[in-house]
Amino acid sequence: MRLEDLNDSQKRAVKYTDGALLIIAGAGSGKTRVLTNRIAYLIEEKGVNPWNILAITFTNKAAGEMRERVDNLVGFGSESIWVSTFHSTCVRILRRHIDRLGYDTNFTIYDTDDSKRVIKDILKELDIDEKKLTPREVLSAISNAKDAMETPEDYFRRWKNSGDWRKEAIARIYVRYVQRLAEANALDFDDILLHAVTLLQKEDEVREYYRRKFRYVLIDEYQDTNRLQYLLMKQLVGEKGNVCVVGDDDQSIYKFRGADITNILNFEKEYKGCRTIRLEQNYRSTQNILDAANAVIKNNTGRKGKTLWTDAGAG
């Protein structure tokens, strides 16, 4: 851990460890450095056990980079820290407890191609032309339904007499799709999140075990979280947990994947007494570039607001 290499805002973000913390991290502001140093600080200065820390990021690549940096900073015991993606975290939980939901713990995970194959089979069964209703469109609708925790039965009831043949067809496919996966003891990518959230909501003993285990939860790229990822965090953290989320509301670009910008915009309301720290010093660009970016981005509605600056000169 090298706190002397951090700027004042970064140091404050590393050292604030009690309760909820929102870090608004502008582009190129050193957020990964802050997250990894925060983990090291918790262990070295606060005496937190490595196995009581969970750090979640979005991609396998980002998780791998964070893992490497944490290992270098922390050294002995760092392998006990959970550093992983949302999906990997959920898979680890489900491998241990999914039998409580009626699945076998050696479930198979279907990728997008596997899911498409199942949908294509069902379309054939129902005599629906793939050109009129594509597997991609069906999977997208099912994914949105799962993100909203809408069961096939609820979805079917909502659309069965709507007069919208596409939605009615998707509803019938959704019912069969879930049955097919259950018969194969398989989960798709959305199920991994959905079943983990359902498990933690329903099983008090499991939920309390993970709340005790993960005394400190850190989540990167929080602006890109969807509803299920938000609900997972709520279940793991509880009302008064030590949760640190890092994100930039100006960099939320994944609405088409279900990302919900309100998760980061409403974080301070969710957690009373939440501290907010802005990382505004940029280490990547010159001031002319930042001035242009600031002038454009300030027109966004519904944003937290920040102004990036650099000491690298105008350029």
Protein backbone atom coordinates (compact mmCIF):
# COMPACT_ATOMS: atom_id res chain seq x y z
CA MET A 1 0.00 0.00 0.00
CA ARG A 2 1.41 3.39 -1.03
CA LEU A 3 -0.89 6.16 0.18
CA GLU A 4 1.78 8.77 -0.55
CA ASP A 5 1.19 8.17 -4.28
CA LEU A 6 -2.49 9.17 -4.00
CA ASN A 7 -4.03 12.63 -4.28
CA ASP A 8 -6.15 14.04 -1.42
CA SER A 9 -9.51 12.85 -2.78
CA GLN A 10 -8.13 9.37 -3.44
CA LYS A 11 -6.73 9.20 0.11
CA ARG A 12 -10.10 10.18 1.60
CA ALA A 13 -11.81 7.48 -0.46
CA VAL A 14 -9.32 4.87 0.74
CA LYS A 15 -9.56 5.83 4.43
CA TYR A 16 -13.34 6.19 4.80
CA THR A 17 -14.31 2.67 5.82
CA ASP A 18 -17.39 2.88 8.07
CA GLY A 19 -20.81 2.81 6.39
CA ALA A 20 -21.80 3.57 2.82
CA LEU A 21 -19.47 5.37 0.42
CA LEU A 22 -20.22 6.60 -3.10
CA ILE A 23 -17.13 7.38 -5.17
CA ILE A 24 -17.92 9.42 -8.28
CA ALA A 25 -14.88 8.62 -10.39
CA GLY A 26 -14.36 10.60 -13.58
CA ALA A 27 -12.62 9.03 -16.57
CA GLY A 28 -8.89 8.49 -15.99
CA SER A 29 -9.09 9.47 -12.31
CA GLY A 30 -7.37 6.37 -10.90
CA LYS A 31 -10.37 4.50 -9.50
CA THR A 32 -8.78 1.04 -9.70
CA ARG A 33 -5.82 2.35 -7.72
CA VAL A 34 -8.25 3.63 -5.10
CA LEU A 35 -10.18 0.35 -4.89
CA THR A 36 -7.08 -1.82 -4.55
CA ASN A 37 -5.46 0.50 -2.00
CA ARG A 38 -8.74 0.57 -0.07
CA ILE A 39 -8.68 -3.23 0.18
CA ALA A 40 -5.05 -3.13 1.36
CA TYR A 41 -5.91 -0.39 3.89
CA LEU A 42 -8.80 -2.43 5.33
CA ILE A 43 -6.49 -5.39 5.90
CA GLU A 44 -3.30 -3.62 7.01
CA GLU A 45 -4.68 -0.66 8.96
CA LYS A 46 -8.15 -1.79 10.05
CA GLY A 47 -7.32 -5.44 10.78
CA VAL A 48 -10.08 -6.79 8.52
CA ASN A 49 -9.71 -10.45 7.55
CA PRO A 50 -9.16 -10.92 3.78
CA TRP A 51 -12.08 -13.41 3.63
CA ASN A 52 -14.44 -10.71 4.92
CA ILE A 53 -13.97 -8.61 1.75
CA LEU A 54 -15.91 -8.92 -1.52
CA ALA A 55 -14.89 -6.86 -4.56
CA ILE A 56 -17.14 -7.03 -7.62
CA THR A 57 -16.44 -5.69 -11.08
CA PHE A 58 -18.08 -6.19 -14.47
CA THR A 59 -15.79 -8.07 -16.83
CA ASN A 60 -13.46 -11.03 -16.36
CA LYS A 61 -10.64 -8.83 -17.69
CA ALA A 62 -11.28 -6.11 -15.08
CA ALA A 63 -11.59 -8.73 -12.32
CA GLY A 64 -8.29 -10.30 -13.43
CA GLU A 65 -6.51 -6.93 -13.39
CA MET A 66 -7.90 -6.07 -9.96
CA ARG A 67 -6.97 -9.53 -8.65
CA GLU A 68 -3.38 -9.04 -9.83
CA ARG A 69 -3.08 -5.58 -8.28
CA VAL A 70 -4.63 -6.74 -4.98
CA ASP A 71 -2.25 -9.73 -4.82
CA ASN A 72 0.73 -7.42 -5.35
CA LEU A 73 -0.43 -4.95 -2.69
CA VAL A 74 -1.69 -7.33 -0.02
CA GLY A 75 0.58 -10.33 -0.42
CA PHE A 76 -0.10 -13.12 2.08
CA GLY A 77 -3.79 -13.97 2.48
CA SER A 78 -4.93 -12.09 -0.63
CA GLU A 79 -6.24 -15.31 -2.22
CA SER A 80 -9.01 -15.34 0.43
CA ILE A 81 -10.49 -12.06 -0.89
CA TRP A 82 -13.38 -12.61 -3.31
CA VAL A 83 -12.46 -10.55 -6.40
CA SER A 84 -14.85 -11.44 -9.20
CA THR A 85 -17.64 -10.45 -11.56
CA PHE A 86 -21.29 -10.38 -10.51
CA HIS A 87 -21.88 -13.66 -12.32
CA SER A 88 -18.85 -15.43 -10.83
CA THR A 89 -19.88 -14.32 -7.34
CA CYS A 90 -23.39 -15.68 -7.88
CA VAL A 91 -22.12 -18.97 -9.32
CA ARG A 92 -19.99 -19.55 -6.20
CA ILE A 93 -23.01 -18.94 -3.97
CA LEU A 94 -25.30 -21.13 -6.09
CA ARG A 95 -22.84 -24.04 -6.32
CA ARG A 96 -23.16 -24.25 -2.56
CA HIS A 97 -26.85 -23.53 -1.94
CA ILE A 98 -28.97 -23.85 -5.12
CA ASP A 99 -30.36 -27.20 -3.93
CA ARG A 100 -32.62 -25.11 -1.68
CA LEU A 101 -34.33 -23.91 -4.87
CA GLY A 102 -34.79 -27.44 -6.20
CA TYR A 103 -31.75 -27.55 -8.51
CA ASP A 104 -28.76 -29.84 -8.32
CA THR A 105 -25.54 -28.07 -7.33
CA ASN A 106 -23.73 -29.47 -10.40
CA PHE A 107 -25.93 -27.39 -12.74
CA THR A 108 -24.82 -26.58 -16.29
CA ILE A 109 -24.43 -22.97 -17.46
CA TYR A 110 -25.84 -22.21 -20.92
CA ASP A 111 -24.15 -19.54 -22.99
CA THR A 112 -26.00 -17.41 -25.55
CA ASP A 113 -25.60 -20.01 -28.32
CA ASP A 114 -27.03 -22.76 -26.08
CA SER A 115 -30.00 -20.55 -25.21
CA LYS A 116 -30.60 -19.69 -28.87
CA ARG A 117 -30.60 -23.39 -29.74
CA VAL A 118 -33.33 -24.07 -27.15
CA ILE A 119 -35.40 -21.11 -28.42
CA LYS A 120 -35.06 -22.32 -32.03
CA ASP A 121 -36.35 -25.77 -31.02
CA ILE A 122 -39.34 -24.22 -29.27
CA LEU A 123 -40.11 -21.97 -32.27
CA LYS A 124 -40.19 -25.08 -34.46
CA GLU A 125 -42.48 -26.86 -32.00
CA LEU A 126 -44.89 -23.93 -31.96
CA ASP A 127 -44.65 -23.56 -35.75
CA ILE A 128 -43.46 -19.94 -35.52
CA ASP A 129 -41.32 -18.59 -38.38
CA GLU A 130 -37.88 -17.45 -37.18
CA LYS A 131 -38.02 -14.57 -39.66
CA LYS A 132 -41.18 -13.19 -38.02
CA LEU A 133 -39.95 -13.67 -34.45
CA THR A 134 -36.18 -14.04 -34.13
CA PRO A 135 -34.52 -16.04 -31.32
CA ARG A 136 -32.57 -12.89 -30.46
CA GLU A 137 -35.76 -10.86 -29.95
CA VAL A 138 -37.27 -13.63 -27.82
CA LEU A 139 -34.16 -13.96 -25.64
CA SER A 140 -34.01 -10.18 -25.17
CA ALA A 141 -37.64 -10.10 -23.97
CA ILE A 142 -37.07 -13.06 -21.63
CA SER A 143 -33.91 -11.41 -20.28
CA ASN A 144 -35.85 -8.20 -19.51
CA ALA A 145 -38.58 -10.23 -17.80
CA LYS A 146 -36.03 -12.04 -15.63
CA ASP A 147 -34.32 -8.76 -14.75
CA ALA A 148 -37.73 -7.52 -13.52
CA MET A 149 -38.15 -10.85 -11.64
CA GLU A 150 -41.27 -11.54 -13.68
CA THR A 151 -42.01 -15.28 -13.74
CA PRO A 152 -43.18 -17.03 -16.94
CA GLU A 153 -46.64 -17.38 -15.35
CA ASP A 154 -46.88 -13.67 -14.54
CA TYR A 155 -45.62 -12.74 -18.01
CA PHE A 156 -48.13 -15.10 -19.62
CA ARG A 157 -51.02 -13.67 -17.59
CA ARG A 158 -49.99 -10.11 -18.53
CA TRP A 159 -49.94 -10.74 -22.28
CA LYS A 160 -52.29 -13.68 -23.02
CA ASN A 161 -55.31 -11.57 -24.03
CA SER A 162 -53.46 -8.44 -25.08
CA GLY A 163 -54.04 -8.83 -28.82
CA ASP A 164 -50.27 -8.45 -29.34
CA TRP A 165 -49.35 -11.75 -31.02
CA ARG A 166 -45.58 -11.22 -30.57
CA LYS A 167 -45.89 -10.75 -26.81
CA GLU A 168 -48.35 -13.67 -26.56
CA ALA A 169 -45.95 -15.89 -28.53
CA ILE A 170 -42.98 -14.82 -26.38
CA ALA A 171 -45.03 -15.59 -23.26
CA ARG A 172 -45.68 -19.15 -24.47
CA ILE A 173 -42.02 -19.58 -25.43
CA TYR A 174 -40.87 -18.22 -22.04
CA VAL A 175 -42.92 -20.87 -20.19
CA ARG A 176 -41.43 -23.69 -22.30
CA TYR A 177 -37.91 -22.23 -22.18
CA VAL A 178 -37.84 -22.22 -18.37
CA GLN A 179 -39.22 -25.77 -18.29
CA ARG A 180 -36.52 -26.95 -20.73
CA LEU A 181 -33.73 -25.42 -18.66
CA ALA A 182 -35.09 -26.91 -15.44
CA GLU A 183 -35.30 -30.37 -17.05
CA ALA A 184 -31.66 -30.07 -18.11
CA ASN A 185 -30.62 -28.72 -14.66
CA ALA A 186 -29.26 -25.71 -16.57
CA LEU A 187 -29.07 -21.96 -15.95
CA ASP A 188 -28.61 -19.19 -18.48
CA PHE A 189 -26.70 -15.99 -17.68
CA ASP A 190 -29.79 -14.19 -16.38
CA ASP A 191 -30.73 -17.17 -14.18
CA ILE A 192 -27.37 -16.95 -12.43
CA LEU A 193 -28.30 -13.52 -11.05
CA LEU A 194 -32.02 -14.25 -10.69
CA HIS A 195 -31.58 -17.47 -8.70
CA ALA A 196 -28.89 -15.94 -6.46
CA VAL A 197 -31.18 -13.02 -5.60
CA THR A 198 -34.17 -15.35 -5.08
CA LEU A 199 -32.08 -17.59 -2.83
CA LEU A 200 -30.89 -14.69 -0.67
CA GLN A 201 -34.40 -13.23 -0.44
CA LYS A 202 -36.04 -16.52 0.55
CA GLU A 203 -33.41 -18.23 2.68
CA ASP A 204 -32.71 -16.19 5.82
CA GLU A 205 -29.94 -18.51 6.99
CA VAL A 206 -28.02 -18.25 3.69
CA ARG A 207 -28.47 -14.47 3.51
CA GLU A 208 -27.24 -13.95 7.09
CA TYR A 209 -24.25 -16.21 6.47
CA TYR A 210 -23.07 -14.03 3.55
CA ARG A 211 -23.81 -10.78 5.37
CA ARG A 212 -21.58 -11.95 8.21
CA LYS A 213 -18.95 -13.21 5.79
CA PHE A 214 -18.76 -10.07 3.63
CA ARG A 215 -18.30 -7.27 6.14
CA TYR A 216 -16.98 -5.02 3.36
CA VAL A 217 -18.44 -4.97 -0.15
CA LEU A 218 -16.90 -2.95 -3.00
CA ILE A 219 -18.59 -2.61 -6.40
CA ASP A 220 -16.97 -1.09 -9.48
CA GLU A 221 -18.75 0.43 -12.52
CA TYR A 222 -21.90 0.89 -10.45
CA GLN A 223 -23.51 3.06 -13.14
CA ASP A 224 -23.84 -0.07 -15.30
CA THR A 225 -25.71 -2.24 -12.77
CA ASN A 226 -29.16 -3.56 -13.66
CA ARG A 227 -32.06 -4.30 -11.32
CA LEU A 228 -30.93 -7.82 -10.36
CA GLN A 229 -27.38 -6.66 -9.61
CA TYR A 230 -28.80 -3.86 -7.47
CA LEU A 231 -31.01 -6.35 -5.60
CA LEU A 232 -28.06 -8.69 -5.09
CA MET A 233 -26.09 -5.86 -3.47
CA LYS A 234 -29.05 -5.02 -1.20
CA GLN A 235 -29.30 -8.64 -0.04
CA LEU A 236 -25.56 -8.98 0.62
CA VAL A 237 -25.15 -5.61 2.35
CA GLY A 238 -28.41 -5.04 4.24
CA GLU A 239 -29.48 -1.62 5.46
CA LYS A 240 -26.37 -0.63 7.40
CA GLY A 241 -23.53 -2.53 5.73
CA ASN A 242 -20.11 -1.24 4.77
CA VAL A 243 -20.62 -0.83 1.05
CA CYS A 244 -18.46 1.19 -1.32
CA VAL A 245 -19.71 1.73 -4.87
CA VAL A 246 -17.58 3.35 -7.55
CA GLY A 247 -18.96 4.73 -10.78
CA ASP A 248 -19.52 7.65 -13.10
CA ASP A 249 -23.07 8.60 -14.04
CA ASP A 250 -21.64 10.35 -17.13
CA GLN A 251 -20.31 7.02 -18.44
CA SER A 252 -23.51 4.99 -18.28
CA ILE A 253 -23.89 3.52 -21.78
CA TYR A 254 -25.48 0.12 -21.20
CA LYS A 255 -29.18 0.91 -20.98
CA PHE A 256 -29.73 -1.46 -23.92
CA ARG A 257 -28.39 -4.23 -21.64
CA GLY A 258 -30.70 -3.30 -18.79
CA ALA A 259 -28.37 -0.92 -16.92
CA ASP A 260 -30.35 1.39 -14.63
CA ILE A 261 -28.75 4.80 -14.07
CA THR A 262 -31.06 5.44 -11.08
CA ASN A 263 -29.05 2.88 -9.07
CA ILE A 264 -26.14 5.32 -8.82
CA LEU A 265 -28.26 8.50 -8.83
CA ASN A 266 -30.36 7.29 -5.86
CA PHE A 267 -27.56 5.65 -3.85
CA GLU A 268 -27.30 8.51 -1.35
CA LYS A 269 -31.06 8.32 -0.67
CA GLU A 270 -30.87 4.54 -0.19
CA TYR A 271 -28.14 4.74 2.42
CA LYS A 272 -28.66 7.49 4.96
CA GLY A 273 -25.44 9.09 6.12
CA CYS A 274 -23.70 8.02 2.93
CA ARG A 275 -20.43 9.84 2.21
CA THR A 276 -19.81 10.99 -1.38
CA ILE A 277 -16.29 11.62 -2.68
CA ARG A 278 -15.52 12.88 -6.19
CA LEU A 279 -12.35 11.91 -8.05
CA GLU A 280 -11.94 14.79 -10.51
CA GLN A 281 -8.21 14.91 -11.19
CA ASN A 282 -7.58 13.24 -14.54
CA TYR A 283 -4.30 11.46 -15.31
CA ARG A 284 -5.07 10.53 -18.92
CA SER A 285 -5.78 13.72 -20.92
CA THR A 286 -4.69 17.32 -21.35
CA GLN A 287 -6.81 20.24 -20.09
CA ASN A 288 -8.03 21.24 -23.58
CA ILE A 289 -9.54 17.78 -24.05
CA LEU A 290 -11.12 17.89 -20.58
CA ASP A 291 -12.55 21.39 -21.15
CA ALA A 292 -14.22 20.19 -24.34
CA ALA A 293 -15.58 17.06 -22.62
CA ASN A 294 -16.82 19.07 -19.61
CA ALA A 295 -18.61 21.53 -21.92
CA VAL A 296 -20.47 18.70 -23.66
CA ILE A 297 -21.26 16.53 -20.67
CA LYS A 298 -22.63 19.35 -18.51
CA ASN A 299 -25.74 19.32 -20.73
CA ASN A 300 -26.69 15.82 -19.50
CA THR A 301 -29.84 15.81 -17.38
CA GLY A 302 -30.02 13.89 -14.11
CA ARG A 303 -26.31 13.80 -13.27
CA LYS A 304 -24.31 14.17 -10.07
CA GLY A 305 -22.05 16.82 -11.55
CA LYS A 306 -18.27 17.07 -11.51
CA THR A 307 -15.51 18.92 -13.36
CA LEU A 308 -12.47 17.01 -14.55
CA TRP A 309 -9.12 18.77 -14.41
CA THR A 310 -5.47 17.91 -14.87
CA ASP A 311 -2.08 19.35 -14.01
CA ALA A 312 -0.71 18.03 -17.33
CA GLY A 313 -1.12 21.45 -18.99
CA ALA A 314 -3.36 22.66 -21.82
CA GLY A 315 -1.86 20.45 -24.52
